[in-house]
Amino acid sequence: RYLIVIDDVQMDEWRIVKSAFEHSSTSNRIILTTTIQPMANMCSSHGNGYVYQMDTLGEEDSKKIAFPGIRSPELEHGSAALLRKCDGL
């Protein structure tokens, strides 16, 4: 039995990983993260499994994680602008 977790998987990478585990037991699991929704649907138990769609953090929580300890108003303003541009974390 195994549990494998792979972060930020792209389509070409998934094809390689999938081919290595095509004949594995149903008690084994592979968990992956991706930003490509159609790929997540395809990878999820052969297209009919569960896909968890994560939301970004709110502005305050994103600032706490990305820029801990910022005290300067100038830096805080710049960090807030950066997080808005990136749509949070």
PDB file of N, CA and C in Angstrom:
ATOM      1  N   ARG A   1       0.841  -1.187   0.000  1.00  0.00           N
ATOM      2  CA  ARG A   1       0.000   0.000   0.000  1.00  0.00           C
ATOM      3  C   ARG A   1       0.878   1.238   0.000  1.00  0.00           C
ATOM      4  N   TYR A   2       0.354   2.284  -0.637  1.00  0.00           N
ATOM      5  CA  TYR A   2       1.098   3.535  -0.646  1.00  0.00           C
ATOM      6  C   TYR A   2       0.150   4.724  -0.748  1.00  0.00           C
ATOM      7  N   LEU A   3       0.669   5.872  -0.315  1.00  0.00           N
ATOM      8  CA  LEU A   3       0.019   7.166  -0.477  1.00  0.00           C
ATOM      9  C   LEU A   3       1.091   8.101  -1.020  1.00  0.00           C
ATOM     10  N   ILE A   4       0.853   8.655  -2.195  1.00  0.00           N
ATOM     11  CA  ILE A   4       1.802   9.568  -2.824  1.00  0.00           C
ATOM     12  C   ILE A   4       1.121  10.922  -2.975  1.00  0.00           C
ATOM     13  N   VAL A   5       1.821  12.002  -2.598  1.00  0.00           N
ATOM     14  CA  VAL A   5       1.304  13.359  -2.743  1.00  0.00           C
ATOM     15  C   VAL A   5       2.243  14.116  -3.682  1.00  0.00           C
ATOM     16  N   ILE A   6       1.681  14.693  -4.739  1.00  0.00           N
ATOM     17  CA  ILE A   6       2.465  15.436  -5.727  1.00  0.00           C
ATOM     18  C   ILE A   6       1.842  16.823  -5.877  1.00  0.00           C
ATOM     19  N   ASP A   7       2.672  17.855  -5.775  1.00  0.00           N
ATOM     20  CA  ASP A   7       2.198  19.238  -5.820  1.00  0.00           C
ATOM     21  C   ASP A   7       2.441  19.867  -7.193  1.00  0.00           C
ATOM     22  N   ASP A   8       1.477  20.647  -7.658  1.00  0.00           N
ATOM     23  CA  ASP A   8       1.574  21.452  -8.877  1.00  0.00           C
ATOM     24  C   ASP A   8       1.873  20.613 -10.113  1.00  0.00           C
ATOM     25  N   VAL A   9       1.026  19.650 -10.377  1.00  0.00           N
ATOM     26  CA  VAL A   9       1.220  18.714 -11.483  1.00  0.00           C
ATOM     27  C   VAL A   9       0.707  19.322 -12.790  1.00  0.00           C
ATOM     28  N   GLN A  10       1.477  19.149 -13.837  1.00  0.00           N
ATOM     29  CA  GLN A  10       1.095  19.565 -15.186  1.00  0.00           C
ATOM     30  C   GLN A  10       0.703  18.319 -15.987  1.00  0.00           C
ATOM     31  N   MET A  11       0.066  18.504 -17.122  1.00  0.00           N
ATOM     32  CA  MET A  11      -0.479  17.394 -17.900  1.00  0.00           C
ATOM     33  C   MET A  11       0.593  16.373 -18.299  1.00  0.00           C
ATOM     34  N   ASP A  12       1.723  16.831 -18.825  1.00  0.00           N
ATOM     35  CA  ASP A  12       2.779  15.898 -19.244  1.00  0.00           C
ATOM     36  C   ASP A  12       3.309  15.085 -18.063  1.00  0.00           C
ATOM     37  N   GLU A  13       3.465  15.742 -16.922  1.00  0.00           N
ATOM     38  CA  GLU A  13       3.955  15.049 -15.726  1.00  0.00           C
ATOM     39  C   GLU A  13       2.967  13.982 -15.269  1.00  0.00           C
ATOM     40  N   TRP A  14       1.672  14.305 -15.329  1.00  0.00           N
ATOM     41  CA  TRP A  14       0.662  13.346 -14.887  1.00  0.00           C
ATOM     42  C   TRP A  14       0.670  12.093 -15.758  1.00  0.00           C
ATOM     43  N   ARG A  15       0.848  12.261 -17.050  1.00  0.00           N
ATOM     44  CA  ARG A  15       0.883  11.096 -17.942  1.00  0.00           C
ATOM     45  C   ARG A  15       2.010  10.141 -17.552  1.00  0.00           C
ATOM     46  N   ILE A  16       3.165  10.680 -17.190  1.00  0.00           N
ATOM     47  CA  ILE A  16       4.301   9.846 -16.781  1.00  0.00           C
ATOM     48  C   ILE A  16       3.989   9.127 -15.473  1.00  0.00           C
ATOM     49  N   VAL A  17       3.480   9.874 -14.493  1.00  0.00           N
ATOM     50  CA  VAL A  17       3.154   9.280 -13.190  1.00  0.00           C
ATOM     51  C   VAL A  17       2.075   8.216 -13.352  1.00  0.00           C
ATOM     52  N   LYS A  18       1.041   8.534 -14.096  1.00  0.00           N
ATOM     53  CA  LYS A  18      -0.079   7.601 -14.287  1.00  0.00           C
ATOM     54  C   LYS A  18       0.390   6.292 -14.920  1.00  0.00           C
ATOM     55  N   SER A  19       1.262   6.377 -15.906  1.00  0.00           N
ATOM     56  CA  SER A  19       1.725   5.159 -16.583  1.00  0.00           C
ATOM     57  C   SER A  19       2.507   4.251 -15.639  1.00  0.00           C
ATOM     58  N   ALA A  20       3.153   4.820 -14.644  1.00  0.00           N
ATOM     59  CA  ALA A  20       3.924   4.012 -13.693  1.00  0.00           C
ATOM     60  C   ALA A  20       3.031   3.264 -12.712  1.00  0.00           C
ATOM     61  N   PHE A  21       1.792   3.710 -12.541  1.00  0.00           N
ATOM     62  CA  PHE A  21       0.915   3.119 -11.530  1.00  0.00           C
ATOM     63  C   PHE A  21      -0.386   2.560 -12.111  1.00  0.00           C
ATOM     64  N   GLU A  22      -0.438   2.283 -13.388  1.00  0.00           N
ATOM     65  CA  GLU A  22      -1.683   1.837 -14.021  1.00  0.00           C
ATOM     66  C   GLU A  22      -2.214   0.521 -13.469  1.00  0.00           C
ATOM     67  N   HIS A  23      -1.355  -0.371 -13.048  1.00  0.00           N
ATOM     68  CA  HIS A  23      -1.800  -1.695 -12.604  1.00  0.00           C
ATOM     69  C   HIS A  23      -1.701  -1.852 -11.090  1.00  0.00           C
ATOM     70  N   SER A  24      -1.845  -0.760 -10.358  1.00  0.00           N
ATOM     71  CA  SER A  24      -1.712  -0.842  -8.906  1.00  0.00           C
ATOM     72  C   SER A  24      -3.055  -1.165  -8.252  1.00  0.00           C
ATOM     73  N   SER A  25      -2.988  -1.543  -7.002  1.00  0.00           N
ATOM     74  CA  SER A  25      -4.166  -1.930  -6.229  1.00  0.00           C
ATOM     75  C   SER A  25      -5.088  -0.736  -5.989  1.00  0.00           C
ATOM     76  N   THR A  26      -6.369  -1.003  -5.813  1.00  0.00           N
ATOM     77  CA  THR A  26      -7.322   0.067  -5.526  1.00  0.00           C
ATOM     78  C   THR A  26      -7.184   0.607  -4.112  1.00  0.00           C
ATOM     79  N   SER A  27      -6.415  -0.051  -3.253  1.00  0.00           N
ATOM     80  CA  SER A  27      -6.216   0.454  -1.894  1.00  0.00           C
ATOM     81  C   SER A  27      -5.112   1.506  -1.840  1.00  0.00           C
ATOM     82  N   ASN A  28      -4.400   1.725  -2.929  1.00  0.00           N
ATOM     83  CA  ASN A  28      -3.360   2.741  -2.996  1.00  0.00           C
ATOM     84  C   ASN A  28      -3.968   4.073  -3.424  1.00  0.00           C
ATOM     85  N   ARG A  29      -3.307   5.175  -3.042  1.00  0.00           N
ATOM     86  CA  ARG A  29      -3.831   6.499  -3.371  1.00  0.00           C
ATOM     87  C   ARG A  29      -2.722   7.416  -3.865  1.00  0.00           C
ATOM     88  N   ILE A  30      -3.083   8.271  -4.826  1.00  0.00           N
ATOM     89  CA  ILE A  30      -2.226   9.358  -5.270  1.00  0.00           C
ATOM     90  C   ILE A  30      -3.043  10.637  -5.127  1.00  0.00           C
ATOM     91  N   ILE A  31      -2.502  11.591  -4.386  1.00  0.00           N
ATOM     92  CA  ILE A  31      -3.142  12.892  -4.212  1.00  0.00           C
ATOM     93  C   ILE A  31      -2.287  13.902  -4.957  1.00  0.00           C
ATOM     94  N   LEU A  32      -2.923  14.725  -5.776  1.00  0.00           N
ATOM     95  CA  LEU A  32      -2.140  15.727  -6.484  1.00  0.00           C
ATOM     96  C   LEU A  32      -2.828  17.070  -6.433  1.00  0.00           C
ATOM     97  N   THR A  33      -2.019  18.114  -6.581  1.00  0.00           N
ATOM     98  CA  THR A  33      -2.561  19.458  -6.720  1.00  0.00           C
ATOM     99  C   THR A  33      -2.219  19.948  -8.115  1.00  0.00           C
ATOM    100  N   THR A  34      -3.122  20.738  -8.667  1.00  0.00           N
ATOM    101  CA  THR A  34      -2.912  21.305  -9.995  1.00  0.00           C
ATOM    102  C   THR A  34      -3.751  22.563 -10.125  1.00  0.00           C
ATOM    103  N   THR A  35      -3.336  23.439 -11.004  1.00  0.00           N
ATOM    104  CA  THR A  35      -4.126  24.630 -11.302  1.00  0.00           C
ATOM    105  C   THR A  35      -4.972  24.428 -12.549  1.00  0.00           C
ATOM    106  N   ILE A  36      -4.916  23.243 -13.131  1.00  0.00           N
ATOM    107  CA  ILE A  36      -5.615  22.945 -14.378  1.00  0.00           C
ATOM    108  C   ILE A  36      -6.871  22.129 -14.057  1.00  0.00           C
ATOM    109  N   GLN A  37      -8.022  22.784 -14.043  1.00  0.00           N
ATOM    110  CA  GLN A  37      -9.265  22.131 -13.642  1.00  0.00           C
ATOM    111  C   GLN A  37      -9.615  20.912 -14.495  1.00  0.00           C
ATOM    112  N   PRO A  38      -9.540  20.977 -15.833  1.00  0.00           N
ATOM    113  CA  PRO A  38      -9.866  19.776 -16.620  1.00  0.00           C
ATOM    114  C   PRO A  38      -8.962  18.584 -16.287  1.00  0.00           C
ATOM    115  N   MET A  39      -7.710  18.861 -15.985  1.00  0.00           N
ATOM    116  CA  MET A  39      -6.807  17.780 -15.625  1.00  0.00           C
ATOM    117  C   MET A  39      -7.197  17.177 -14.276  1.00  0.00           C
ATOM    118  N   ALA A  40      -7.585  18.017 -13.332  1.00  0.00           N
ATOM    119  CA  ALA A  40      -8.026  17.513 -12.030  1.00  0.00           C
ATOM    120  C   ALA A  40      -9.220  16.585 -12.205  1.00  0.00           C
ATOM    121  N   ASN A  41     -10.160  16.975 -13.053  1.00  0.00           N
ATOM    122  CA  ASN A  41     -11.331  16.128 -13.312  1.00  0.00           C
ATOM    123  C   ASN A  41     -10.919  14.796 -13.930  1.00  0.00           C
ATOM    124  N   MET A  42      -9.991  14.832 -14.875  1.00  0.00           N
ATOM    125  CA  MET A  42      -9.542  13.618 -15.549  1.00  0.00           C
ATOM    126  C   MET A  42      -8.801  12.680 -14.585  1.00  0.00           C
ATOM    127  N   CYS A  43      -8.001  13.247 -13.689  1.00  0.00           N
ATOM    128  CA  CYS A  43      -7.188  12.438 -12.777  1.00  0.00           C
ATOM    129  C   CYS A  43      -8.003  11.835 -11.644  1.00  0.00           C
ATOM    130  N   SER A  44      -9.137  12.404 -11.364  1.00  0.00           N
ATOM    131  CA  SER A  44      -9.931  12.005 -10.220  1.00  0.00           C
ATOM    132  C   SER A  44     -10.664  10.698 -10.495  1.00  0.00           C
ATOM    133  N   SER A  45     -10.108   9.597 -10.032  1.00  0.00           N
ATOM    134  CA  SER A  45     -10.720   8.270 -10.185  1.00  0.00           C
ATOM    135  C   SER A  45     -11.239   8.044 -11.599  1.00  0.00           C
ATOM    136  N   HIS A  46     -10.397   8.289 -12.556  1.00  0.00           N
ATOM    137  CA  HIS A  46     -10.715   8.084 -13.968  1.00  0.00           C
ATOM    138  C   HIS A  46     -11.876   8.959 -14.429  1.00  0.00           C
ATOM    139  N   GLY A  47     -11.952  10.170 -13.878  1.00  0.00           N
ATOM    140  CA  GLY A  47     -12.938  11.134 -14.354  1.00  0.00           C
ATOM    141  C   GLY A  47     -14.227  11.207 -13.576  1.00  0.00           C
ATOM    142  N   ASN A  48     -14.424  10.356 -12.588  1.00  0.00           N
ATOM    143  CA  ASN A  48     -15.693  10.401 -11.855  1.00  0.00           C
ATOM    144  C   ASN A  48     -15.508  10.467 -10.342  1.00  0.00           C
ATOM    145  N   GLY A  49     -14.344  10.873  -9.894  1.00  0.00           N
ATOM    146  CA  GLY A  49     -14.070  10.955  -8.458  1.00  0.00           C
ATOM    147  C   GLY A  49     -14.287  12.354  -7.921  1.00  0.00           C
ATOM    148  N   TYR A  50     -13.710  12.616  -6.774  1.00  0.00           N
ATOM    149  CA  TYR A  50     -13.920  13.869  -6.066  1.00  0.00           C
ATOM    150  C   TYR A  50     -12.774  14.835  -6.329  1.00  0.00           C
ATOM    151  N   VAL A  51     -13.108  16.065  -6.702  1.00  0.00           N
ATOM    152  CA  VAL A  51     -12.122  17.128  -6.882  1.00  0.00           C
ATOM    153  C   VAL A  51     -12.438  18.212  -5.866  1.00  0.00           C
ATOM    154  N   TYR A  52     -11.469  18.535  -5.022  1.00  0.00           N
ATOM    155  CA  TYR A  52     -11.633  19.593  -4.028  1.00  0.00           C
ATOM    156  C   TYR A  52     -11.048  20.872  -4.601  1.00  0.00           C
ATOM    157  N   GLN A  53     -11.871  21.883  -4.750  1.00  0.00           N
ATOM    158  CA  GLN A  53     -11.399  23.152  -5.292  1.00  0.00           C
ATOM    159  C   GLN A  53     -11.120  24.106  -4.142  1.00  0.00           C
ATOM    160  N   MET A  54      -9.858  24.499  -4.019  1.00  0.00           N
ATOM    161  CA  MET A  54      -9.455  25.382  -2.931  1.00  0.00           C
ATOM    162  C   MET A  54      -9.686  26.837  -3.306  1.00  0.00           C
ATOM    163  N   ASP A  55     -10.052  27.627  -2.323  1.00  0.00           N
ATOM    164  CA  ASP A  55     -10.183  29.068  -2.501  1.00  0.00           C
ATOM    165  C   ASP A  55      -8.928  29.744  -1.965  1.00  0.00           C
ATOM    166  N   THR A  56      -8.663  30.944  -2.440  1.00  0.00           N
ATOM    167  CA  THR A  56      -7.534  31.696  -1.909  1.00  0.00           C
ATOM    168  C   THR A  56      -7.899  32.247  -0.537  1.00  0.00           C
ATOM    169  N   LEU A  57      -6.886  32.561   0.233  1.00  0.00           N
ATOM    170  CA  LEU A  57      -7.106  33.161   1.543  1.00  0.00           C
ATOM    171  C   LEU A  57      -7.562  34.604   1.373  1.00  0.00           C
ATOM    172  N   GLY A  58      -8.205  35.128   2.400  1.00  0.00           N
ATOM    173  CA  GLY A  58      -8.566  36.538   2.401  1.00  0.00           C
ATOM    174  C   GLY A  58      -7.322  37.406   2.524  1.00  0.00           C
ATOM    175  N   GLU A  59      -7.492  38.701   2.337  1.00  0.00           N
ATOM    176  CA  GLU A  59      -6.349  39.620   2.328  1.00  0.00           C
ATOM    177  C   GLU A  59      -5.571  39.599   3.644  1.00  0.00           C
ATOM    178  N   GLU A  60      -6.254  39.634   4.763  1.00  0.00           N
ATOM    179  CA  GLU A  60      -5.555  39.675   6.057  1.00  0.00           C
ATOM    180  C   GLU A  60      -4.770  38.394   6.323  1.00  0.00           C
ATOM    181  N   ASP A  61      -5.375  37.242   6.079  1.00  0.00           N
ATOM    182  CA  ASP A  61      -4.669  35.974   6.292  1.00  0.00           C
ATOM    183  C   ASP A  61      -3.499  35.828   5.324  1.00  0.00           C
ATOM    184  N   SER A  62      -3.670  36.281   4.088  1.00  0.00           N
ATOM    185  CA  SER A  62      -2.574  36.228   3.117  1.00  0.00           C
ATOM    186  C   SER A  62      -1.399  37.078   3.586  1.00  0.00           C
ATOM    187  N   LYS A  63      -1.683  38.272   4.106  1.00  0.00           N
ATOM    188  CA  LYS A  63      -0.604  39.144   4.599  1.00  0.00           C
ATOM    189  C   LYS A  63       0.126  38.507   5.771  1.00  0.00           C
ATOM    190  N   LYS A  64      -0.600  37.859   6.659  1.00  0.00           N
ATOM    191  CA  LYS A  64       0.039  37.226   7.823  1.00  0.00           C
ATOM    192  C   LYS A  64       1.021  36.141   7.403  1.00  0.00           C
ATOM    193  N   ILE A  65       0.675  35.390   6.374  1.00  0.00           N
ATOM    194  CA  ILE A  65       1.535  34.293   5.927  1.00  0.00           C
ATOM    195  C   ILE A  65       2.675  34.793   5.044  1.00  0.00           C
ATOM    196  N   ALA A  66       2.370  35.653   4.085  1.00  0.00           N
ATOM    197  CA  ALA A  66       3.371  36.074   3.100  1.00  0.00           C
ATOM    198  C   ALA A  66       4.359  37.095   3.651  1.00  0.00           C
ATOM    199  N   PHE A  67       3.906  37.948   4.536  1.00  0.00           N
ATOM    200  CA  PHE A  67       4.756  39.030   5.021  1.00  0.00           C
ATOM    201  C   PHE A  67       4.668  39.166   6.540  1.00  0.00           C
ATOM    202  N   PRO A  68       5.099  38.154   7.273  1.00  0.00           N
ATOM    203  CA  PRO A  68       5.014  38.240   8.734  1.00  0.00           C
ATOM    204  C   PRO A  68       5.980  39.299   9.271  1.00  0.00           C
ATOM    205  N   GLY A  69       5.525  40.063  10.221  1.00  0.00           N
ATOM    206  CA  GLY A  69       6.402  41.008  10.905  1.00  0.00           C
ATOM    207  C   GLY A  69       6.661  42.310  10.178  1.00  0.00           C
ATOM    208  N   ILE A  70       5.943  42.627   9.114  1.00  0.00           N
ATOM    209  CA  ILE A  70       6.153  43.904   8.420  1.00  0.00           C
ATOM    210  C   ILE A  70       5.605  45.021   9.298  1.00  0.00           C
ATOM    211  N   ARG A  71       6.458  45.994   9.579  1.00  0.00           N
ATOM    212  CA  ARG A  71       6.051  47.109  10.436  1.00  0.00           C
ATOM    213  C   ARG A  71       5.988  48.432   9.668  1.00  0.00           C
ATOM    214  N   SER A  72       6.706  48.543   8.579  1.00  0.00           N
ATOM    215  CA  SER A  72       6.776  49.782   7.818  1.00  0.00           C
ATOM    216  C   SER A  72       5.488  49.986   7.016  1.00  0.00           C
ATOM    217  N   PRO A  73       4.862  51.162   7.119  1.00  0.00           N
ATOM    218  CA  PRO A  73       3.645  51.425   6.334  1.00  0.00           C
ATOM    219  C   PRO A  73       3.886  51.316   4.825  1.00  0.00           C
ATOM    220  N   GLU A  74       5.080  51.731   4.370  1.00  0.00           N
ATOM    221  CA  GLU A  74       5.390  51.650   2.940  1.00  0.00           C
ATOM    222  C   GLU A  74       5.443  50.191   2.485  1.00  0.00           C
ATOM    223  N   LEU A  75       6.106  49.350   3.274  1.00  0.00           N
ATOM    224  CA  LEU A  75       6.186  47.933   2.926  1.00  0.00           C
ATOM    225  C   LEU A  75       4.823  47.263   3.014  1.00  0.00           C
ATOM    226  N   GLU A  76       4.044  47.643   4.004  1.00  0.00           N
ATOM    227  CA  GLU A  76       2.710  47.056   4.141  1.00  0.00           C
ATOM    228  C   GLU A  76       1.834  47.426   2.948  1.00  0.00           C
ATOM    229  N   HIS A  77       1.922  48.667   2.504  1.00  0.00           N
ATOM    230  CA  HIS A  77       1.146  49.095   1.332  1.00  0.00           C
ATOM    231  C   HIS A  77       1.585  48.318   0.093  1.00  0.00           C
ATOM    232  N   GLY A  78       2.886  48.173  -0.100  1.00  0.00           N
ATOM    233  CA  GLY A  78       3.406  47.427  -1.246  1.00  0.00           C
ATOM    234  C   GLY A  78       3.020  45.963  -1.206  1.00  0.00           C
ATOM    235  N   SER A  79       3.066  45.365  -0.014  1.00  0.00           N
ATOM    236  CA  SER A  79       2.712  43.946   0.102  1.00  0.00           C
ATOM    237  C   SER A  79       1.229  43.733  -0.167  1.00  0.00           C
ATOM    238  N   ALA A  80       0.398  44.662   0.281  1.00  0.00           N
ATOM    239  CA  ALA A  80      -1.042  44.546   0.028  1.00  0.00           C
ATOM    240  C   ALA A  80      -1.327  44.643  -1.470  1.00  0.00           C
ATOM    241  N   ALA A  81      -0.626  45.539  -2.155  1.00  0.00           N
ATOM    242  CA  ALA A  81      -0.814  45.677  -3.605  1.00  0.00           C
ATOM    243  C   ALA A  81      -0.379  44.406  -4.329  1.00  0.00           C
ATOM    244  N   LEU A  82       0.725  43.820  -3.892  1.00  0.00           N
ATOM    245  CA  LEU A  82       1.216  42.584  -4.503  1.00  0.00           C
ATOM    246  C   LEU A  82       0.216  41.445  -4.312  1.00  0.00           C
ATOM    247  N   LEU A  83      -0.326  41.312  -3.116  1.00  0.00           N
ATOM    248  CA  LEU A  83      -1.295  40.243  -2.854  1.00  0.00           C
ATOM    249  C   LEU A  83      -2.579  40.435  -3.659  1.00  0.00           C
ATOM    250  N   ARG A  84      -3.020  41.674  -3.819  1.00  0.00           N
ATOM    251  CA  ARG A  84      -4.213  41.918  -4.645  1.00  0.00           C
ATOM    252  C   ARG A  84      -3.942  41.512  -6.093  1.00  0.00           C
ATOM    253  N   LYS A  85      -2.750  41.838  -6.578  1.00  0.00           N
ATOM    254  CA  LYS A  85      -2.396  41.481  -7.958  1.00  0.00           C
ATOM    255  C   LYS A  85      -2.360  39.965  -8.143  1.00  0.00           C
ATOM    256  N   CYS A  86      -1.911  39.244  -7.103  1.00  0.00           N
ATOM    257  CA  CYS A  86      -1.818  37.781  -7.166  1.00  0.00           C
ATOM    258  C   CYS A  86      -3.115  37.092  -6.764  1.00  0.00           C
ATOM    259  N   ASP A  87      -4.129  37.849  -6.373  1.00  0.00           N
ATOM    260  CA  ASP A  87      -5.399  37.308  -5.898  1.00  0.00           C
ATOM    261  C   ASP A  87      -5.215  36.489  -4.628  1.00  0.00           C
ATOM    262  N   GLY A  88      -4.394  36.988  -3.706  1.00  0.00           N
ATOM    263  CA  GLY A  88      -4.186  36.314  -2.420  1.00  0.00           C
ATOM    264  C   GLY A  88      -3.280  35.112  -2.535  1.00  0.00           C
ATOM    265  N   LEU A  89      -3.285  34.298  -1.485  1.00  0.00           N
ATOM    266  CA  LEU A  89      -2.479  33.076  -1.455  1.00  0.00           C
ATOM    267  C   LEU A  89      -3.383  31.875  -1.505  1.00  0.00           C
TER     268      LEU A  89
END
